[in-house]
Amino acid sequence: MGKKLYVGNLSFSMSDSSLEQTFTQFGTVESAKVITDRDSGRSKGFGFVEMSSDKEATDAIEKMNGQVVDGRPITVNEARPQAPREDRGGGGGRSGGGGGGFGRGSRY
C-alpha cells in the first residue's frame, strides 16, 4: 500500500487531473484530490495525492517539495491523520421537543 501525501500552496486553478499529472512522473498515482470549499466549490489551495508505493511517495516528496508549480512553490509531505474536531456548538445538540406545556395527555 502506498502513502498519502499532503500538497499545499496549490494554485487555485489546479484541478484533480492536473494534480495527478504533476505526480505521475514519480510512479502510479492511486488518487489525487484538490480540496474545495463546499459552499463555493472553489479550491482551498491544498490537496492530497496517494502514490502506489512508499518509494514513489518518498521520491515525490524529495523532488517536489518547494518546487514551483503554476507560479507557486508547493509544499509536499506525508499526510497526517485528520485531528478530531472539537464541538463547535451551533445547535443540533438536542432533538425532540420536551419542555412541559399543555400538550396531549395533559389534564389541564
N, C-alpha and C. Protein backbone atom coordinates (compact mmCIF):
# COMPACT_ATOMS: atom_id res chain seq x y z
N MET A 1 0.85 -1.19 0.00
CA MET A 1 0.00 0.00 0.00
C MET A 1 0.88 1.23 0.00
N GLY A 2 0.46 2.25 -0.72
CA GLY A 2 1.24 3.48 -0.83
C GLY A 2 0.97 4.45 0.29
N LYS A 3 1.55 5.61 0.12
CA LYS A 3 1.39 6.66 1.11
C LYS A 3 0.57 7.80 0.55
N LYS A 4 -0.17 8.42 1.43
CA LYS A 4 -0.95 9.60 1.06
C LYS A 4 -0.09 10.82 1.35
N LEU A 5 -0.03 11.72 0.38
CA LEU A 5 0.77 12.93 0.51
C LEU A 5 -0.13 14.15 0.61
N TYR A 6 0.29 15.08 1.44
CA TYR A 6 -0.35 16.40 1.52
C TYR A 6 0.39 17.30 0.56
N VAL A 7 -0.35 18.06 -0.24
CA VAL A 7 0.24 19.00 -1.18
C VAL A 7 -0.39 20.37 -0.91
N GLY A 8 0.42 21.30 -0.43
CA GLY A 8 -0.09 22.62 -0.05
C GLY A 8 0.41 23.73 -0.94
N ASN A 9 -0.21 24.89 -0.81
CA ASN A 9 0.08 26.11 -1.57
C ASN A 9 -0.15 25.92 -3.07
N LEU A 10 -1.21 25.18 -3.39
CA LEU A 10 -1.55 24.95 -4.80
C LEU A 10 -2.19 26.20 -5.41
N SER A 11 -2.00 26.35 -6.69
CA SER A 11 -2.69 27.39 -7.44
C SER A 11 -4.19 27.11 -7.35
N PHE A 12 -4.99 28.16 -7.28
CA PHE A 12 -6.44 27.98 -7.17
C PHE A 12 -7.05 27.44 -8.46
N SER A 13 -6.25 27.43 -9.54
CA SER A 13 -6.75 26.87 -10.80
C SER A 13 -6.41 25.39 -10.95
N MET A 14 -5.70 24.81 -10.00
CA MET A 14 -5.30 23.39 -10.06
C MET A 14 -6.54 22.51 -9.93
N SER A 15 -6.63 21.51 -10.81
CA SER A 15 -7.75 20.56 -10.77
C SER A 15 -7.22 19.20 -10.31
N ASP A 16 -8.15 18.29 -10.04
CA ASP A 16 -7.75 16.94 -9.65
C ASP A 16 -6.86 16.31 -10.71
N SER A 17 -7.25 16.44 -11.97
CA SER A 17 -6.48 15.80 -13.04
C SER A 17 -5.11 16.44 -13.23
N SER A 18 -5.01 17.76 -13.09
CA SER A 18 -3.69 18.38 -13.24
C SER A 18 -2.79 18.06 -12.05
N LEU A 19 -3.37 17.89 -10.87
CA LEU A 19 -2.60 17.46 -9.70
C LEU A 19 -2.07 16.04 -9.93
N GLU A 20 -2.92 15.18 -10.46
CA GLU A 20 -2.49 13.81 -10.77
C GLU A 20 -1.36 13.82 -11.78
N GLN A 21 -1.51 14.61 -12.85
CA GLN A 21 -0.47 14.70 -13.89
C GLN A 21 0.87 15.16 -13.32
N THR A 22 0.83 16.07 -12.37
CA THR A 22 2.05 16.60 -11.77
C THR A 22 2.85 15.50 -11.07
N PHE A 23 2.16 14.49 -10.51
CA PHE A 23 2.85 13.47 -9.73
C PHE A 23 3.06 12.15 -10.47
N THR A 24 2.53 11.99 -11.69
CA THR A 24 2.71 10.73 -12.41
C THR A 24 4.16 10.47 -12.79
N GLN A 25 4.99 11.49 -12.84
CA GLN A 25 6.41 11.29 -13.18
C GLN A 25 7.14 10.48 -12.10
N PHE A 26 6.55 10.32 -10.93
CA PHE A 26 7.18 9.58 -9.84
C PHE A 26 6.62 8.18 -9.67
N GLY A 27 5.60 7.83 -10.45
CA GLY A 27 5.02 6.50 -10.38
C GLY A 27 3.51 6.54 -10.55
N THR A 28 2.87 5.48 -10.10
CA THR A 28 1.43 5.35 -10.24
C THR A 28 0.72 6.15 -9.17
N VAL A 29 -0.16 7.03 -9.62
CA VAL A 29 -0.97 7.83 -8.69
C VAL A 29 -2.29 7.09 -8.49
N GLU A 30 -2.52 6.65 -7.26
CA GLU A 30 -3.77 5.94 -6.94
C GLU A 30 -4.95 6.90 -6.91
N SER A 31 -4.72 8.10 -6.36
CA SER A 31 -5.78 9.11 -6.31
C SER A 31 -5.15 10.49 -6.16
N ALA A 32 -5.86 11.49 -6.63
CA ALA A 32 -5.43 12.88 -6.49
C ALA A 32 -6.69 13.72 -6.30
N LYS A 33 -6.71 14.52 -5.25
CA LYS A 33 -7.91 15.29 -4.93
C LYS A 33 -7.53 16.67 -4.43
N VAL A 34 -8.02 17.70 -5.12
CA VAL A 34 -7.88 19.08 -4.67
C VAL A 34 -9.08 19.35 -3.77
N ILE A 35 -8.83 19.85 -2.57
CA ILE A 35 -9.90 20.10 -1.61
C ILE A 35 -10.58 21.43 -1.95
N THR A 36 -11.90 21.39 -2.01
CA THR A 36 -12.67 22.58 -2.37
C THR A 36 -13.62 22.98 -1.25
N ASP A 37 -13.98 24.24 -1.25
CA ASP A 37 -14.95 24.76 -0.30
C ASP A 37 -16.32 24.19 -0.66
N ARG A 38 -17.02 23.66 0.32
CA ARG A 38 -18.29 23.01 0.00
C ARG A 38 -19.37 23.98 -0.45
N ASP A 39 -19.29 25.24 -0.03
CA ASP A 39 -20.31 26.21 -0.43
C ASP A 39 -20.03 26.82 -1.80
N SER A 40 -18.80 27.27 -2.00
CA SER A 40 -18.47 27.97 -3.25
C SER A 40 -17.93 27.03 -4.33
N GLY A 41 -17.41 25.86 -3.94
CA GLY A 41 -16.82 24.95 -4.91
C GLY A 41 -15.41 25.36 -5.32
N ARG A 42 -14.89 26.42 -4.74
CA ARG A 42 -13.56 26.93 -5.08
C ARG A 42 -12.48 26.19 -4.31
N SER A 43 -11.32 26.03 -4.95
CA SER A 43 -10.20 25.34 -4.31
C SER A 43 -9.79 26.03 -3.02
N LYS A 44 -9.39 25.23 -2.04
CA LYS A 44 -8.86 25.77 -0.79
C LYS A 44 -7.35 25.91 -0.84
N GLY A 45 -6.73 25.52 -1.96
CA GLY A 45 -5.29 25.70 -2.13
C GLY A 45 -4.45 24.54 -1.62
N PHE A 46 -5.08 23.40 -1.34
CA PHE A 46 -4.32 22.22 -0.96
C PHE A 46 -5.05 20.97 -1.43
N GLY A 47 -4.33 19.86 -1.41
CA GLY A 47 -4.94 18.62 -1.84
C GLY A 47 -4.15 17.43 -1.34
N PHE A 48 -4.56 16.25 -1.79
CA PHE A 48 -3.92 15.01 -1.37
C PHE A 48 -3.67 14.13 -2.58
N VAL A 49 -2.52 13.48 -2.58
CA VAL A 49 -2.15 12.55 -3.65
C VAL A 49 -1.75 11.25 -2.97
N GLU A 50 -2.27 10.14 -3.49
CA GLU A 50 -1.88 8.84 -2.95
C GLU A 50 -1.08 8.11 -4.02
N MET A 51 0.17 7.80 -3.67
CA MET A 51 1.06 7.08 -4.57
C MET A 51 0.93 5.58 -4.29
N SER A 52 1.25 4.74 -5.28
CA SER A 52 1.04 3.30 -5.13
C SER A 52 2.09 2.61 -4.27
N SER A 53 3.25 3.24 -4.05
CA SER A 53 4.26 2.61 -3.19
C SER A 53 4.93 3.66 -2.32
N ASP A 54 5.53 3.19 -1.23
CA ASP A 54 6.23 4.09 -0.33
C ASP A 54 7.43 4.75 -1.03
N LYS A 55 8.12 3.99 -1.87
CA LYS A 55 9.29 4.54 -2.58
C LYS A 55 8.87 5.67 -3.51
N GLU A 56 7.78 5.48 -4.24
CA GLU A 56 7.29 6.54 -5.13
C GLU A 56 6.90 7.78 -4.33
N ALA A 57 6.28 7.57 -3.19
CA ALA A 57 5.87 8.69 -2.33
C ALA A 57 7.10 9.44 -1.83
N THR A 58 8.11 8.71 -1.38
CA THR A 58 9.34 9.34 -0.89
C THR A 58 10.02 10.14 -2.00
N ASP A 59 10.10 9.58 -3.20
CA ASP A 59 10.69 10.29 -4.34
C ASP A 59 9.92 11.58 -4.63
N ALA A 60 8.60 11.48 -4.60
CA ALA A 60 7.77 12.66 -4.89
C ALA A 60 8.00 13.75 -3.85
N ILE A 61 8.08 13.37 -2.58
CA ILE A 61 8.32 14.36 -1.52
C ILE A 61 9.67 15.03 -1.73
N GLU A 62 10.72 14.21 -1.95
CA GLU A 62 12.07 14.75 -2.11
C GLU A 62 12.21 15.67 -3.30
N LYS A 63 11.56 15.33 -4.40
CA LYS A 63 11.74 16.10 -5.63
C LYS A 63 10.74 17.24 -5.82
N MET A 64 9.57 17.15 -5.19
CA MET A 64 8.54 18.16 -5.44
C MET A 64 8.40 19.20 -4.33
N ASN A 65 8.81 18.88 -3.10
CA ASN A 65 8.67 19.84 -2.02
C ASN A 65 9.50 21.09 -2.32
N GLY A 66 8.83 22.24 -2.38
CA GLY A 66 9.50 23.50 -2.67
C GLY A 66 9.55 23.87 -4.15
N GLN A 67 9.17 22.95 -5.02
CA GLN A 67 9.18 23.24 -6.46
C GLN A 67 8.05 24.20 -6.82
N VAL A 68 8.29 25.01 -7.83
CA VAL A 68 7.28 25.96 -8.28
C VAL A 68 6.37 25.27 -9.31
N VAL A 69 5.07 25.24 -9.01
CA VAL A 69 4.07 24.67 -9.90
C VAL A 69 3.00 25.73 -10.10
N ASP A 70 2.74 26.09 -11.36
CA ASP A 70 1.77 27.15 -11.69
C ASP A 70 2.10 28.45 -10.96
N GLY A 71 3.39 28.75 -10.85
CA GLY A 71 3.82 30.01 -10.25
C GLY A 71 3.86 30.05 -8.73
N ARG A 72 3.64 28.89 -8.08
CA ARG A 72 3.64 28.86 -6.61
C ARG A 72 4.54 27.74 -6.11
N PRO A 73 5.37 28.03 -5.09
CA PRO A 73 6.19 26.96 -4.50
C PRO A 73 5.32 26.06 -3.62
N ILE A 74 5.21 24.80 -4.00
CA ILE A 74 4.30 23.90 -3.27
C ILE A 74 5.01 23.21 -2.11
N THR A 75 4.22 22.81 -1.15
CA THR A 75 4.68 22.03 0.00
C THR A 75 4.20 20.60 -0.20
N VAL A 76 5.10 19.64 -0.09
CA VAL A 76 4.72 18.24 -0.22
C VAL A 76 5.31 17.48 0.95
N ASN A 77 4.45 16.80 1.70
CA ASN A 77 4.93 15.93 2.77
C ASN A 77 3.92 14.82 3.01
N GLU A 78 4.30 13.89 3.87
CA GLU A 78 3.40 12.78 4.17
C GLU A 78 2.18 13.32 4.91
N ALA A 79 1.01 12.90 4.47
CA ALA A 79 -0.23 13.36 5.11
C ALA A 79 -0.35 12.76 6.50
N ARG A 80 -0.82 13.55 7.42
CA ARG A 80 -1.08 13.08 8.78
C ARG A 80 -2.58 12.85 8.92
N PRO A 81 -2.96 11.96 9.83
CA PRO A 81 -4.40 11.74 10.04
C PRO A 81 -5.07 13.03 10.49
N GLN A 82 -6.29 13.22 10.07
CA GLN A 82 -7.03 14.42 10.45
C GLN A 82 -7.27 14.42 11.95
N ALA A 83 -6.98 15.55 12.57
CA ALA A 83 -7.21 15.69 14.01
C ALA A 83 -8.71 15.73 14.28
N PRO A 84 -9.12 15.13 15.38
CA PRO A 84 -10.56 15.19 15.69
C PRO A 84 -11.00 16.62 15.92
N ARG A 85 -12.14 16.95 15.39
CA ARG A 85 -12.65 18.32 15.53
C ARG A 85 -13.33 18.47 16.87
N GLU A 86 -13.15 19.64 17.45
CA GLU A 86 -13.84 19.92 18.71
C GLU A 86 -15.26 20.35 18.40
N ASP A 87 -16.14 20.13 19.37
CA ASP A 87 -17.52 20.55 19.20
C ASP A 87 -17.55 22.06 19.06
N ARG A 88 -18.07 22.54 17.97
CA ARG A 88 -18.12 23.98 17.73
C ARG A 88 -19.43 24.60 18.18
N GLY A 89 -20.26 23.82 18.83
CA GLY A 89 -21.55 24.36 19.25
C GLY A 89 -22.43 24.60 18.04
N GLY A 90 -23.23 25.59 18.10
CA GLY A 90 -24.01 25.96 16.93
C GLY A 90 -25.25 25.14 16.71
N GLY A 91 -25.80 24.61 17.75
CA GLY A 91 -27.08 23.94 17.60
C GLY A 91 -26.95 22.48 17.26
N GLY A 92 -28.06 21.86 17.08
CA GLY A 92 -28.09 20.46 16.72
C GLY A 92 -27.91 19.52 17.89
N GLY A 93 -27.75 20.05 19.08
CA GLY A 93 -27.48 19.21 20.23
C GLY A 93 -28.65 18.37 20.67
N ARG A 94 -29.78 18.97 20.89
CA ARG A 94 -30.94 18.23 21.37
C ARG A 94 -31.91 17.99 20.23
N SER A 95 -32.50 16.86 20.30
CA SER A 95 -33.54 16.62 19.31
C SER A 95 -34.84 16.34 20.06
N GLY A 96 -35.88 16.57 19.39
CA GLY A 96 -37.17 16.32 20.02
C GLY A 96 -37.60 17.52 20.85
N GLY A 97 -38.77 17.52 21.19
CA GLY A 97 -39.33 18.63 21.93
C GLY A 97 -39.16 18.43 23.40
N GLY A 98 -39.77 18.54 24.16
CA GLY A 98 -39.63 18.16 25.51
C GLY A 98 -40.08 19.19 26.47
N GLY A 99 -40.21 20.23 26.55
CA GLY A 99 -40.49 21.00 27.75
C GLY A 99 -41.95 21.05 28.05
N GLY A 100 -42.38 20.87 29.17
CA GLY A 100 -43.74 20.92 29.71
C GLY A 100 -44.80 21.42 28.75
N GLY A 101 -45.71 22.15 29.23
CA GLY A 101 -46.74 22.71 28.37
C GLY A 101 -48.02 21.92 28.47
N PHE A 102 -48.99 22.33 27.72
CA PHE A 102 -50.31 21.72 27.76
C PHE A 102 -50.54 20.93 26.49
N GLY A 103 -49.82 19.89 26.30
CA GLY A 103 -49.97 19.08 25.10
C GLY A 103 -50.91 17.94 25.33
N ARG A 104 -50.85 17.01 24.47
CA ARG A 104 -51.68 15.82 24.53
C ARG A 104 -51.48 15.08 25.84
N GLY A 105 -52.50 14.63 26.42
CA GLY A 105 -52.44 13.88 27.66
C GLY A 105 -52.39 14.75 28.90
N SER A 106 -52.38 16.02 28.74
CA SER A 106 -52.34 16.92 29.89
C SER A 106 -53.72 16.99 30.51
N ARG A 107 -53.76 17.12 31.80
CA ARG A 107 -55.07 17.18 32.46
C ARG A 107 -55.64 18.59 32.44
N TYR A 108 -54.99 19.54 31.95
CA TYR A 108 -55.49 20.92 32.00
C TYR A 108 -56.09 21.37 30.71
